C-alpha atoms as a PDB file:
ATOM      1  CA  MET A   1       3.252  12.162 124.261  1.00  0.00           C
ATOM      2  CA  THR A   2       5.141  15.448 124.145  1.00  0.00           C
ATOM      3  CA  MET A   3       5.765  17.165 120.826  1.00  0.00           C
ATOM      4  CA  CYS A   4       9.463  17.662 121.427  1.00  0.00           C
ATOM      5  CA  GLY A   5      12.460  15.418 121.876  1.00  0.00           C
ATOM      6  CA  ARG A   6      13.327  12.136 120.272  1.00  0.00           C
ATOM      7  CA  LEU A   7      10.837   9.281 120.127  1.00  0.00           C
ATOM      8  CA  PRO A   8      11.807   6.445 122.486  1.00  0.00           C
ATOM      9  CA  VAL A   9      11.361   3.643 119.920  1.00  0.00           C
ATOM     10  CA  VAL A  10      11.993   4.033 116.196  1.00  0.00           C
ATOM     11  CA  TYR A  11      11.984   1.343 113.530  1.00  0.00           C
ATOM     12  CA  ALA A  12      14.936   1.518 111.175  1.00  0.00           C
ATOM     13  CA  PRO A  13      13.800   2.076 107.575  1.00  0.00           C
ATOM     14  CA  GLU A  14      14.099  -0.992 105.375  1.00  0.00           C
ATOM     15  CA  ALA A  15      16.038  -0.964 102.102  1.00  0.00           C
ATOM     16  CA  ASP A  16      14.232   1.124  99.478  1.00  0.00           C
ATOM     17  CA  GLU A  17      11.322   1.774 101.870  1.00  0.00           C
ATOM     18  CA  ARG A  18       9.060   4.737 101.165  1.00  0.00           C
ATOM     19  CA  LEU A  19       8.151   7.306 103.809  1.00  0.00           C
ATOM     20  CA  SER A  20       4.416   6.510 103.801  1.00  0.00           C
ATOM     21  CA  SER A  21       5.214   2.845 104.488  1.00  0.00           C
ATOM     22  CA  TRP A  22       7.564   3.663 107.356  1.00  0.00           C
ATOM     23  CA  ILE A  23       4.995   5.976 108.980  1.00  0.00           C
ATOM     24  CA  ALA A  24       2.268   3.337 108.494  1.00  0.00           C
ATOM     25  CA  ARG A  25       4.462   0.849 110.405  1.00  0.00           C
ATOM     26  CA  MET A  26       5.305   3.288 113.204  1.00  0.00           C
ATOM     27  CA  ALA A  27       1.797   4.627 113.872  1.00  0.00           C
ATOM     28  CA  PRO A  28       0.276   1.358 115.240  1.00  0.00           C
ATOM     29  CA  PHE A  29       3.223   0.911 117.601  1.00  0.00           C
ATOM     30  CA  TYR A  30       2.232   4.161 119.313  1.00  0.00           C
ATOM     31  CA  ALA A  31      -1.515   3.309 119.031  1.00  0.00           C
ATOM     32  CA  MET A  32      -2.090   6.202 116.628  1.00  0.00           C
ATOM     33  CA  THR A  33      -3.552   6.749 113.219  1.00  0.00           C
ATOM     34  CA  VAL A  34      -1.232   7.830 110.426  1.00  0.00           C
ATOM     35  CA  SER A  35      -2.414  11.445 110.618  1.00  0.00           C
ATOM     36  CA  GLU A  36      -1.948  11.500 114.411  1.00  0.00           C
ATOM     37  CA  PHE A  37       1.595  10.155 114.074  1.00  0.00           C
ATOM     38  CA  VAL A  38       2.393  12.760 111.405  1.00  0.00           C
ATOM     39  CA  ALA A  39       1.205  15.409 113.874  1.00  0.00           C
ATOM     40  CA  THR A  40       3.502  13.861 116.511  1.00  0.00           C
ATOM     41  CA  LEU A  41       6.402  14.409 114.124  1.00  0.00           C
ATOM     42  CA  GLY A  42       5.531  18.107 114.172  1.00  0.00           C
ATOM     43  CA  LEU A  43       3.766  18.195 110.783  1.00  0.00           C
ATOM     44  CA  LYS A  44       0.130  18.391 111.793  1.00  0.00           C
ATOM     45  CA  GLY A  45      -2.298  18.732 108.890  1.00  0.00           C
ATOM     46  CA  HIS A  46       0.131  17.459 106.260  1.00  0.00           C
ATOM     47  CA  ASP A  47      -0.805  14.556 104.005  1.00  0.00           C
ATOM     48  CA  VAL A  48       1.713  11.721 104.222  1.00  0.00           C
ATOM     49  CA  PHE A  49       1.789  11.245 100.446  1.00  0.00           C
ATOM     50  CA  ASP A  50       2.418  14.954  99.882  1.00  0.00           C
ATOM     51  CA  LEU A  51       5.330  14.779 102.323  1.00  0.00           C
ATOM     52  CA  GLU A  52       6.656  11.724 100.549  1.00  0.00           C
ATOM     53  CA  TRP A  53       6.550  13.585  97.260  1.00  0.00           C
ATOM     54  CA  ARG A  54       7.963  16.960  98.278  1.00  0.00           C
ATOM     55  CA  LEU A  55       9.536  17.011 101.726  1.00  0.00           C
ATOM     56  CA  SER A  56      11.278  20.330 102.317  1.00  0.00           C
ATOM     57  CA  GLU A  57      14.670  20.488 104.020  1.00  0.00           C
ATOM     58  CA  GLY A  58      13.089  22.001 107.114  1.00  0.00           C
ATOM     59  CA  GLN A  59      10.445  19.289 107.328  1.00  0.00           C
ATOM     60  CA  GLY A  60      13.081  16.609 106.747  1.00  0.00           C
ATOM     61  CA  ALA A  61      15.251  18.058 109.515  1.00  0.00           C
ATOM     62  CA  LEU A  62      12.247  18.170 111.867  1.00  0.00           C
ATOM     63  CA  ILE A  63      11.433  14.484 111.263  1.00  0.00           C
ATOM     64  CA  ALA A  64      15.110  13.542 111.556  1.00  0.00           C
ATOM     65  CA  ALA A  65      15.358  15.236 114.958  1.00  0.00           C
ATOM     66  CA  ARG A  66      12.278  13.386 116.223  1.00  0.00           C
ATOM     67  CA  ILE A  67      13.353   9.913 115.091  1.00  0.00           C
ATOM     68  CA  GLY A  68      17.134  10.137 115.480  1.00  0.00           C
ATOM     69  CA  LEU A  69      18.044   9.594 111.810  1.00  0.00           C
ATOM     70  CA  SER A  70      20.014  11.860 109.508  1.00  0.00           C
ATOM     71  CA  PRO A  71      18.097  14.219 107.194  1.00  0.00           C
ATOM     72  CA  GLU A  72      19.638  12.351 104.266  1.00  0.00           C
ATOM     73  CA  ALA A  73      18.159   9.052 105.506  1.00  0.00           C
ATOM     74  CA  VAL A  74      14.737  10.671 105.765  1.00  0.00           C
ATOM     75  CA  GLN A  75      14.964  12.206 102.288  1.00  0.00           C
ATOM     76  CA  ALA A  76      16.010   8.814 100.899  1.00  0.00           C
ATOM     77  CA  MET A  77      12.520   7.533 101.752  1.00  0.00           C
ATOM     78  CA  THR A  78      10.894  10.177  99.542  1.00  0.00           C
ATOM     79  CA  PHE A  79      10.593  10.640  95.773  1.00  0.00           C
ATOM     80  CA  ARG A  80      12.469  13.915  95.892  1.00  0.00           C
ATOM     81  CA  GLU A  81      14.751  12.914  93.000  1.00  0.00           C
ATOM     82  CA  PHE A  82      11.807  12.697  90.609  1.00  0.00           C
ATOM     83  CA  GLY A  83      10.496  15.689  88.695  1.00  0.00           C
ATOM     84  CA  PRO A  84       6.877  16.922  88.936  1.00  0.00           C
ATOM     85  CA  GLN A  85       6.028  15.334  85.570  1.00  0.00           C
ATOM     86  CA  ALA A  86       6.462  11.880  87.120  1.00  0.00           C
ATOM     87  CA  ARG A  87       3.986  12.257  89.977  1.00  0.00           C
ATOM     88  CA  LEU A  88       1.243  10.787  87.818  1.00  0.00           C
ATOM     89  CA  MET A  89       3.291   7.573  87.587  1.00  0.00           C
ATOM     90  CA  ILE A  90       3.896   7.019  91.306  1.00  0.00           C
ATOM     91  CA  ALA A  91       1.194   4.860  92.871  1.00  0.00           C
ATOM     92  CA  ARG A  92       0.118   5.324  96.473  1.00  0.00           C
ATOM     93  CA  LYS A  93       0.361   1.575  97.047  1.00  0.00           C
ATOM     94  CA  SER A  94       2.576  -1.109  95.577  1.00  0.00           C
ATOM     95  CA  ARG A  95       1.664  -1.889  91.990  1.00  0.00           C
ATOM     96  CA  TYR A  96       3.290  -5.325  92.057  1.00  0.00           C
ATOM     97  CA  TYR A  97       4.705  -7.595  94.733  1.00  0.00           C
ATOM     98  CA  CYS A  98       7.708  -9.803  95.338  1.00  0.00           C
ATOM     99  CA  PRO A  99       6.914 -13.328  96.640  1.00  0.00           C
ATOM    100  CA  TYR A 100       9.842 -13.122  99.104  1.00  0.00           C
ATOM    101  CA  CYS A 101       9.092  -9.664 100.523  1.00  0.00           C
ATOM    102  CA  PRO A 102       6.598  -9.236 103.376  1.00  0.00           C
ATOM    103  CA  GLU A 103       3.519  -7.112 102.762  1.00  0.00           C
ATOM    104  CA  GLU A 104       5.178  -4.377 104.762  1.00  0.00           C
ATOM    105  CA  PRO A 105       7.348  -2.447 104.190  1.00  0.00           C
ATOM    106  CA  GLN A 106       6.373  -1.095 100.806  1.00  0.00           C
ATOM    107  CA  ARG A 107       9.339  -0.234  98.638  1.00  0.00           C
ATOM    108  CA  LYS A 108       9.741   2.759  96.355  1.00  0.00           C
ATOM    109  CA  SER A 109      10.513   0.577  93.358  1.00  0.00           C
ATOM    110  CA  THR A 110       7.158  -1.228  93.586  1.00  0.00           C
ATOM    111  CA  ALA A 111       5.371   2.090  93.038  1.00  0.00           C
ATOM    112  CA  LEU A 112       7.064   2.725  89.676  1.00  0.00           C
ATOM    113  CA  PRO A 113       5.526   1.184  86.538  1.00  0.00           C
ATOM    114  CA  TRP A 114       8.862   0.571  84.790  1.00  0.00           C
ATOM    115  CA  ARG A 115      10.383  -1.667  87.489  1.00  0.00           C
ATOM    116  CA  PHE A 116       9.825  -5.404  86.980  1.00  0.00           C
ATOM    117  CA  ARG A 117      12.219  -7.021  89.462  1.00  0.00           C
ATOM    118  CA  CYS A 118      12.552  -6.753  93.227  1.00  0.00           C
ATOM    119  CA  PRO A 119      15.671  -4.679  94.039  1.00  0.00           C
ATOM    120  CA  VAL A 120      16.316  -6.769  97.153  1.00  0.00           C
ATOM    121  CA  HIS A 121      15.782 -10.341  95.907  1.00  0.00           C
ATOM    122  CA  GLY A 122      16.223  -9.848  92.158  1.00  0.00           C
ATOM    123  CA  VAL A 123      13.145 -11.929  91.279  1.00  0.00           C
ATOM    124  CA  GLU A 124      10.324 -10.968  88.959  1.00  0.00           C
ATOM    125  CA  PHE A 125       7.447  -8.992  90.368  1.00  0.00           C
ATOM    126  CA  ARG A 126       4.006 -10.601  90.283  1.00  0.00           C
ATOM    127  CA  GLY A 127       0.814  -8.875  89.224  1.00  0.00           C
ATOM    128  CA  ALA A 128      -2.606  -8.913  90.848  1.00  0.00           C
ATOM    129  CA  THR A 129      -3.277 -12.439  89.587  1.00  0.00           C
ATOM    130  CA  GLY A 130       0.026 -13.817  90.942  1.00  0.00           C
ATOM    131  CA  GLU A 131       1.323 -14.449  87.433  1.00  0.00           C
ATOM    132  CA  THR A 132       4.862 -13.467  86.401  1.00  0.00           C
ATOM    133  CA  LEU A 133       5.875 -12.120  83.014  1.00  0.00           C
ATOM    134  CA  SER A 134       7.798 -15.341  82.344  1.00  0.00           C
ATOM    135  CA  ASP A 135       4.579 -17.266  82.877  1.00  0.00           C
ATOM    136  CA  ARG A 136       2.810 -15.097  80.337  1.00  0.00           C
ATOM    137  CA  PHE A 137       5.470 -14.845  77.616  1.00  0.00           C
ATOM    138  CA  GLY A 138       7.423 -18.035  78.241  1.00  0.00           C
ATOM    139  CA  THR A 139      10.924 -18.034  79.717  1.00  0.00           C
ATOM    140  CA  ASP A 140      12.857 -17.807  76.447  1.00  0.00           C
ATOM    141  CA  CYS A 141      10.719 -15.048  74.974  1.00  0.00           C
ATOM    142  CA  PHE A 142      10.807 -13.075  78.231  1.00  0.00           C
ATOM    143  CA  LYS A 143      14.612 -13.188  78.343  1.00  0.00           C
ATOM    144  CA  LYS A 144      14.766 -11.785  74.817  1.00  0.00           C
ATOM    145  CA  LEU A 145      12.316  -9.014  75.655  1.00  0.00           C
ATOM    146  CA  GLU A 146      13.914  -8.118  78.986  1.00  0.00           C
ATOM    147  CA  GLY A 147      16.913  -6.448  77.329  1.00  0.00           C
ATOM    148  CA  HIS A 148      14.638  -4.070  75.395  1.00  0.00           C
ATOM    149  CA  ALA A 149      12.595  -3.480  78.553  1.00  0.00           C
ATOM    150  CA  GLU A 150      15.715  -2.471  80.479  1.00  0.00           C
ATOM    151  CA  VAL A 151      16.584   0.106  77.798  1.00  0.00           C
ATOM    152  CA  GLY A 152      13.044   1.478  77.905  1.00  0.00           C
ATOM    153  CA  ALA A 153      12.930   1.497  81.713  1.00  0.00           C
ATOM    154  CA  ALA A 154      16.246   3.369  81.902  1.00  0.00           C
ATOM    155  CA  HIS A 155      14.889   5.954  79.460  1.00  0.00           C
ATOM    156  CA  LEU A 156      11.670   6.371  81.446  1.00  0.00           C
ATOM    157  CA  ASP A 157      13.610   6.597  84.709  1.00  0.00           C
ATOM    158  CA  ALA A 158      15.868   9.301  83.260  1.00  0.00           C
ATOM    159  CA  TRP A 159      12.808  11.235  82.109  1.00  0.00           C
ATOM    160  CA  ALA A 160      11.234  10.953  85.576  1.00  0.00           C
ATOM    161  CA  ARG A 161      14.433  12.305  87.154  1.00  0.00           C
ATOM    162  CA  SER A 162      14.701  15.111  84.551  1.00  0.00           C
ATOM    163  CA  ALA A 163      18.022  13.697  83.367  1.00  0.00           C
ATOM    164  CA  GLY A 164      19.263  13.682  79.777  1.00  0.00           C
ATOM    165  CA  GLN A 165      17.302  11.380  77.457  1.00  0.00           C
ATOM    166  CA  GLY A 166      18.793  11.908  74.006  1.00  0.00           C
ATOM    167  CA  ASP A 167      16.694  12.816  70.990  1.00  0.00           C
ATOM    168  CA  LEU A 168      13.328  11.480  72.172  1.00  0.00           C
ATOM    169  CA  GLU A 169      11.551  12.180  75.442  1.00  0.00           C
ATOM    170  CA  ALA A 170       9.370   9.588  77.127  1.00  0.00           C
ATOM    171  CA  PRO A 171       6.005  11.293  76.373  1.00  0.00           C
ATOM    172  CA  GLU A 172       6.861  11.410  72.661  1.00  0.00           C
ATOM    173  CA  VAL A 173       7.649   7.694  72.624  1.00  0.00           C
ATOM    174  CA  LEU A 174       4.496   6.785  74.548  1.00  0.00           C
ATOM    175  CA  GLN A 175       2.410   8.955  72.239  1.00  0.00           C
ATOM    176  CA  LEU A 176       3.437   6.828  69.266  1.00  0.00           C
ATOM    177  CA  LEU A 177       2.994   3.533  71.124  1.00  0.00           C
ATOM    178  CA  THR A 178      -0.553   4.388  72.189  1.00  0.00           C
ATOM    179  CA  VAL A 179      -1.764   6.017  68.960  1.00  0.00           C
ATOM    180  CA  ARG A 180      -4.614   4.240  67.150  1.00  0.00           C
ATOM    181  CA  HIS A 181      -3.004   3.069  63.919  1.00  0.00           C
ATOM    182  CA  ARG A 182      -6.005   1.190  62.536  1.00  0.00           C
ATOM    183  CA  ARG A 183      -9.755   1.366  62.708  1.00  0.00           C
ATOM    184  CA  ALA A 184     -11.290  -0.470  65.667  1.00  0.00           C
ATOM    185  CA  SER A 185     -12.344  -3.979  64.684  1.00  0.00           C
ATOM    186  CA  PRO A 186     -13.740  -7.156  66.318  1.00  0.00           C
ATOM    187  CA  PRO A 187     -11.305  -9.920  67.322  1.00  0.00           C
ATOM    188  CA  ASN A 188      -9.906 -11.671  64.279  1.00  0.00           C
ATOM    189  CA  VAL A 189      -9.721 -15.449  63.937  1.00  0.00           C
ATOM    190  CA  CYS A 190      -6.278 -15.820  65.552  1.00  0.00           C
ATOM    191  CA  GLU A 191      -7.406 -13.726  68.550  1.00  0.00           C
ATOM    192  CA  GLN A 192     -10.548 -15.761  69.191  1.00  0.00           C
ATOM    193  CA  PRO A 193     -10.458 -18.806  71.476  1.00  0.00           C
ATOM    194  CA  ARG A 194     -11.572 -22.125  70.088  1.00  0.00           C
ATOM    195  CA  MET A 195     -15.321 -22.374  70.492  1.00  0.00           C
ATOM    196  CA  SER A 196     -18.108 -24.659  69.492  1.00  0.00           C
ATOM    197  CA  LEU A 197     -20.943 -23.289  67.359  1.00  0.00           C
ATOM    198  CA  LYS A 198     -23.119 -23.094  70.458  1.00  0.00           C
ATOM    199  CA  ASP A 199     -20.467 -21.084  72.356  1.00  0.00           C
ATOM    200  CA  ARG A 200     -20.064 -18.771  69.394  1.00  0.00           C
ATOM    201  CA  ARG A 201     -23.764 -18.053  69.473  1.00  0.00           C
ATOM    202  CA  ASP A 202     -23.660 -17.519  73.247  1.00  0.00           C
ATOM    203  CA  TYR A 203     -20.651 -15.185  73.029  1.00  0.00           C
ATOM    204  CA  HIS A 204     -21.720 -13.343  69.916  1.00  0.00           C
ATOM    205  CA  ASP A 205     -21.390  -9.952  71.645  1.00  0.00           C
ATOM    206  CA  PHE A 206     -17.774 -10.705  72.579  1.00  0.00           C
ATOM    207  CA  LEU A 207     -16.883 -11.863  69.073  1.00  0.00           C
ATOM    208  CA  THR A 208     -18.331  -8.719  67.531  1.00  0.00           C
ATOM    209  CA  THR A 209     -17.003  -6.151  70.036  1.00  0.00           C
ATOM    210  CA  PRO A 210     -14.723  -3.640  68.255  1.00  0.00           C
ATOM    211  CA  ILE A 211     -11.215  -3.522  69.771  1.00  0.00           C
ATOM    212  CA  ILE A 212      -9.035  -0.403  69.638  1.00  0.00           C
ATOM    213  CA  ARG A 213      -5.942  -1.111  67.536  1.00  0.00           C
ATOM    214  CA  GLN A 214      -2.812   0.652  68.790  1.00  0.00           C
ATOM    215  CA  ALA A 215       0.751   0.896  67.492  1.00  0.00           C
ATOM    216  CA  LEU A 216       1.968  -0.961  70.604  1.00  0.00           C
ATOM    217  CA  THR A 217       0.940  -4.238  68.974  1.00  0.00           C
ATOM    218  CA  VAL A 218       3.102  -3.404  65.923  1.00  0.00           C
ATOM    219  CA  VAL A 219       6.220  -2.502  67.903  1.00  0.00           C
ATOM    220  CA  VAL A 220       5.734  -5.383  70.376  1.00  0.00           C
ATOM    221  CA  PRO A 221       3.991  -8.202  68.462  1.00  0.00           C
ATOM    222  CA  GLU A 222       4.843 -10.567  71.332  1.00  0.00           C
ATOM    223  CA  TYR A 223       2.400  -8.592  73.486  1.00  0.00           C
ATOM    224  CA  ASP A 224      -0.229  -8.861  70.759  1.00  0.00           C
ATOM    225  CA  GLN A 225       0.090 -12.650  70.896  1.00  0.00           C
ATOM    226  CA  VAL A 226      -0.282 -13.129  74.661  1.00  0.00           C
ATOM    227  CA  ALA A 227      -2.469 -10.263  75.908  1.00  0.00           C
ATOM    228  CA  PRO A 228      -6.175 -10.962  76.561  1.00  0.00           C
ATOM    229  CA  VAL A 229      -8.005  -9.652  73.537  1.00  0.00           C
ATOM    230  CA  LEU A 230     -10.301  -7.253  75.407  1.00  0.00           C
ATOM    231  CA  ALA A 231      -7.394  -5.997  77.569  1.00  0.00           C
ATOM    232  CA  LYS A 232      -4.998  -5.195  74.724  1.00  0.00           C
ATOM    233  CA  PRO A 233      -5.745  -1.445  74.477  1.00  0.00           C
ATOM    234  CA  VAL A 234      -3.893   0.791  76.921  1.00  0.00           C
ATOM    235  CA  ARG A 235      -4.604   4.327  78.056  1.00  0.00           C
ATOM    236  CA  PRO A 236      -3.295   7.097  75.800  1.00  0.00           C
ATOM    237  CA  GLY A 237       0.057   8.760  76.509  1.00  0.00           C
ATOM    238  CA  LEU A 238       1.428   8.852  80.036  1.00  0.00           C
ATOM    239  CA  HIS A 239      -1.780   7.394  81.458  1.00  0.00           C
ATOM    240  CA  ALA A 240      -0.817   4.094  79.827  1.00  0.00           C
ATOM    241  CA  LEU A 241       1.959   3.691  82.410  1.00  0.00           C
ATOM    242  CA  ALA A 242       0.095   5.333  85.275  1.00  0.00           C
ATOM    243  CA  GLN A 243      -2.887   2.980  85.024  1.00  0.00           C
ATOM    244  CA  GLY A 244      -1.563  -0.061  83.158  1.00  0.00           C
ATOM    245  CA  SER A 245      -1.230  -3.634  84.405  1.00  0.00           C
ATOM    246  CA  LEU A 246       2.110  -5.386  84.881  1.00  0.00           C
ATOM    247  CA  LEU A 247       1.816  -6.925  81.402  1.00  0.00           C
ATOM    248  CA  GLN A 248       0.863  -3.629  79.758  1.00  0.00           C
ATOM    249  CA  CYS A 249       3.624  -1.641  81.475  1.00  0.00           C
ATOM    250  CA  PHE A 250       6.215  -4.250  80.534  1.00  0.00           C
ATOM    251  CA  ALA A 251       5.071  -4.150  76.905  1.00  0.00           C
ATOM    252  CA  LEU A 252       5.286  -0.345  76.952  1.00  0.00           C
ATOM    253  CA  ALA A 253       8.826  -0.519  78.348  1.00  0.00           C
ATOM    254  CA  VAL A 254       9.802  -3.022  75.631  1.00  0.00           C
ATOM    255  CA  GLY A 255       8.244  -0.788  72.987  1.00  0.00           C
ATOM    256  CA  ALA A 256       9.998   2.274  74.367  1.00  0.00           C
ATOM    257  CA  GLY A 257      13.311   0.403  74.349  1.00  0.00           C
ATOM    258  CA  ARG A 258      12.899  -0.680  70.735  1.00  0.00           C
ATOM    259  CA  ILE A 259      11.960   2.812  69.595  1.00  0.00           C
ATOM    260  CA  ILE A 260      14.909   4.352  71.458  1.00  0.00           C
ATOM    261  CA  GLU A 261      17.241   1.838  69.803  1.00  0.00           C
ATOM    262  CA  ASP A 262      15.921   2.465  66.271  1.00  0.00           C
ATOM    263  CA  PRO A 263      13.242   5.195  66.126  1.00  0.00           C
ATOM    264  CA  VAL A 264      13.187   5.512  62.333  1.00  0.00           C
ATOM    265  CA  LYS A 265      12.674   1.794  61.728  1.00  0.00           C
ATOM    266  CA  TRP A 266       9.760   1.471  64.131  1.00  0.00           C
ATOM    267  CA  ALA A 267       8.074   4.704  63.089  1.00  0.00           C
ATOM    268  CA  ILE A 268       8.097   3.455  59.480  1.00  0.00           C
ATOM    269  CA  SER A 269       6.796   0.040  60.590  1.00  0.00           C
ATOM    270  CA  VAL A 270       3.830   1.677  62.299  1.00  0.00           C
ATOM    271  CA  MET A 271       3.135   3.863  59.266  1.00  0.00           C
ATOM    272  CA  LEU A 272       3.223   0.865  56.919  1.00  0.00           C
ATOM    273  CA  MET A 273       0.759  -1.032  59.128  1.00  0.00           C
ATOM    274  CA  SER A 274      -1.598   1.940  59.458  1.00  0.00           C
ATOM    275  CA  ASP A 275      -4.753   2.247  57.391  1.00  0.00           C
ATOM    276  CA  ALA A 276      -5.593   5.382  55.400  1.00  0.00           C
ATOM    277  CA  GLU A 277      -7.876   6.717  58.122  1.00  0.00           C
ATOM    278  CA  ALA A 278      -5.185   6.531  60.840  1.00  0.00           C
ATOM    279  CA  GLN A 279      -2.231   7.823  58.811  1.00  0.00           C
ATOM    280  CA  GLY A 280      -2.954  11.360  59.991  1.00  0.00           C
ATOM    281  CA  ARG A 281      -2.939  10.354  63.662  1.00  0.00           C
ATOM    282  CA  VAL A 282       0.360   8.514  63.301  1.00  0.00           C
ATOM    283  CA  ARG A 283       1.986  11.448  61.504  1.00  0.00           C
ATOM    284  CA  GLN A 284       0.666  13.812  64.160  1.00  0.00           C
ATOM    285  CA  ALA A 285       2.305  11.687  66.888  1.00  0.00           C
ATOM    286  CA  ILE A 286       5.606  11.765  64.994  1.00  0.00           C
ATOM    287  CA  ASP A 287       5.394  15.529  64.412  1.00  0.00           C
ATOM    288  CA  ALA A 288       6.544  16.076  68.006  1.00  0.00           C
ATOM    289  CA  TRP A 289       9.819  14.269  67.270  1.00  0.00           C
ATOM    290  CA  PRO A 290      13.048  16.139  66.463  1.00  0.00           C
ATOM    291  CA  LEU A 291      13.379  17.452  62.907  1.00  0.00           C
ATOM    292  CA  SER A 292      16.387  15.248  62.124  1.00  0.00           C
ATOM    293  CA  LEU A 293      14.402  12.087  62.893  1.00  0.00           C
ATOM    294  CA  ARG A 294      11.394  13.253  60.895  1.00  0.00           C
ATOM    295  CA  ARG A 295      13.600  13.921  57.890  1.00  0.00           C
ATOM    296  CA  SER A 296      15.112  10.444  58.133  1.00  0.00           C
ATOM    297  CA  ILE A 297      11.645   8.919  58.373  1.00  0.00           C
ATOM    298  CA  SER A 298      10.437  10.834  55.315  1.00  0.00           C
ATOM    299  CA  ALA A 299      13.543   9.903  53.324  1.00  0.00           C
ATOM    300  CA  ARG A 300      13.182   6.189  54.035  1.00  0.00           C
ATOM    301  CA  PHE A 301       9.412   5.826  54.131  1.00  0.00           C
ATOM    302  CA  TRP A 302       8.754   6.042  50.402  1.00  0.00           C
ATOM    303  CA  ARG A 303      11.378   3.345  49.749  1.00  0.00           C
ATOM    304  CA  ALA A 304       9.905   1.146  52.461  1.00  0.00           C
ATOM    305  CA  GLU A 305       6.433   1.691  51.009  1.00  0.00           C
ATOM    306  CA  ARG A 306       7.688   0.766  47.530  1.00  0.00           C
ATOM    307  CA  ASP A 307       9.361  -2.393  48.861  1.00  0.00           C
ATOM    308  CA  GLU A 308       6.200  -3.335  50.747  1.00  0.00           C
ATOM    309  CA  ARG A 309       4.088  -3.006  47.594  1.00  0.00           C
ATOM    310  CA  ALA A 310       6.600  -5.141  45.692  1.00  0.00           C
ATOM    311  CA  ARG A 311       6.535  -7.790  48.438  1.00  0.00           C
ATOM    312  CA  GLN A 312       2.743  -7.913  48.455  1.00  0.00           C
ATOM    313  CA  SER A 313       2.663  -8.182  44.645  1.00  0.00           C
ATOM    314  CA  ALA A 314       5.190 -11.041  44.761  1.00  0.00           C
ATOM    315  CA  GLU A 315       3.136 -12.878  47.384  1.00  0.00           C
ATOM    316  CA  LYS A 316      -0.039 -12.427  45.355  1.00  0.00           C
ATOM    317  CA  ALA A 317       1.675 -13.746  42.211  1.00  0.00           C
ATOM    318  CA  ALA A 318       3.044 -16.735  44.137  1.00  0.00           C
ATOM    319  CA  ARG A 319      -0.428 -17.581  45.428  1.00  0.00           C
ATOM    320  CA  GLN A 320      -1.850 -17.353  41.925  1.00  0.00           C
ATOM    321  CA  ARG A 321       0.889 -19.615  40.534  1.00  0.00           C
ATOM    322  CA  GLN A 322       0.291 -22.124  43.304  1.00  0.00           C
ATOM    323  CA  SER A 323      -3.440 -22.113  42.621  1.00  0.00           C
ATOM    324  CA  HIS A 324      -2.854 -22.553  38.876  1.00  0.00           C
ATOM    325  CA  LYS A 325      -0.418 -25.412  39.557  1.00  0.00           C
ATOM    326  CA  LEU A 326      -2.960 -27.222  41.679  1.00  0.00           C
ATOM    327  CA  ARG A 327      -5.605 -26.870  38.989  1.00  0.00           C
ATOM    328  CA  LEU A 328      -3.231 -28.327  36.357  1.00  0.00           C
ATOM    329  CA  ILE A 329      -2.371 -31.278  38.584  1.00  0.00           C
ATOM    330  CA  GLN A 330      -6.017 -31.945  39.264  1.00  0.00           C
ATOM    331  CA  SER A 331      -6.938 -31.674  35.566  1.00  0.00           C
ATOM    332  CA  HIS A 332      -4.117 -34.029  34.557  1.00  0.00           C
ATOM    333  CA  LYS A 333      -5.014 -36.520  37.242  1.00  0.00           C
ATOM    334  CA  TYR A 334      -8.623 -36.848  36.256  1.00  0.00           C
ATOM    335  CA  ARG A 335      -8.381 -36.171  32.523  1.00  0.00           C
ATOM    336  CA  TYR A 336      -8.750 -39.831  31.514  1.00  0.00           C
ATOM    337  CA  GLY A 337     -11.661 -40.330  33.837  1.00  0.00           C
ATOM    338  CA  ILE A 338     -13.818 -37.784  32.069  1.00  0.00           C
ATOM    339  CA  SER A 339     -16.507 -39.437  29.939  1.00  0.00           C
END
């Protein structure tokens, strides 16, 4: 095949299709490998994923001339609108899948960790196990969480496109969500599955394995309730989104949305739930926040801490009164039976 002129047969790009997917569909038609087809487009030696990430105007015009599309249509298949800080987030293959979309083409939205619905069919994405988020959380709970997730996803998307994000940037939010706010500890009673004594002996290693405790479970307690106990911890910082599962990325988006909506409230909540050892790590994560937010947190934290101590004291007193009441009832009931 000559290296000049327009190709005789060209597939039209699908909605939201990425360049690597389109090239992977075209190459077999011409009985070529992906690298051979890229060379046919006049870009010999270039990696298809590098082109998809940063396609220059000249390269876009060269491809457009070979396939008969406009340069704008070619650029629309790339991630040109995203800044370099987001490249870590963009997967080479689809992270999730839509049950109504064919395996090919692969869409740009399925490569982003903060997208949870198919842009074409509007249905929930499914993870590697085929489970949806509604299956995991329950339909009602998922609907309540989805609003927060949309706020968080919009914030993350604006950060990826280097657009305005307000007071907090995405890395600062993720730093707080992934900070270890308590000492690692084995699964507690409510996290353990129901087991017989024999099973508990057989799975002793599992029941005594220390689990990293992160602020994500404070900001999104719904995630804490449904996530597999050994899979609760996420990677620190931006790697949490880059390498997280569908469930983890959704929880991070919900957490980001809640923090964006009320950063002072959730920062204080994490600090109140932190143990003495982790207080320094939490404060260090918050130190990257704007000064105005840190001042608000400091001004409200001591009051919140005072109220929390008062609440705990009231609960302790109520338990003691209840225990004393039960003892009196028992003593009165059996007083005449004492010989």
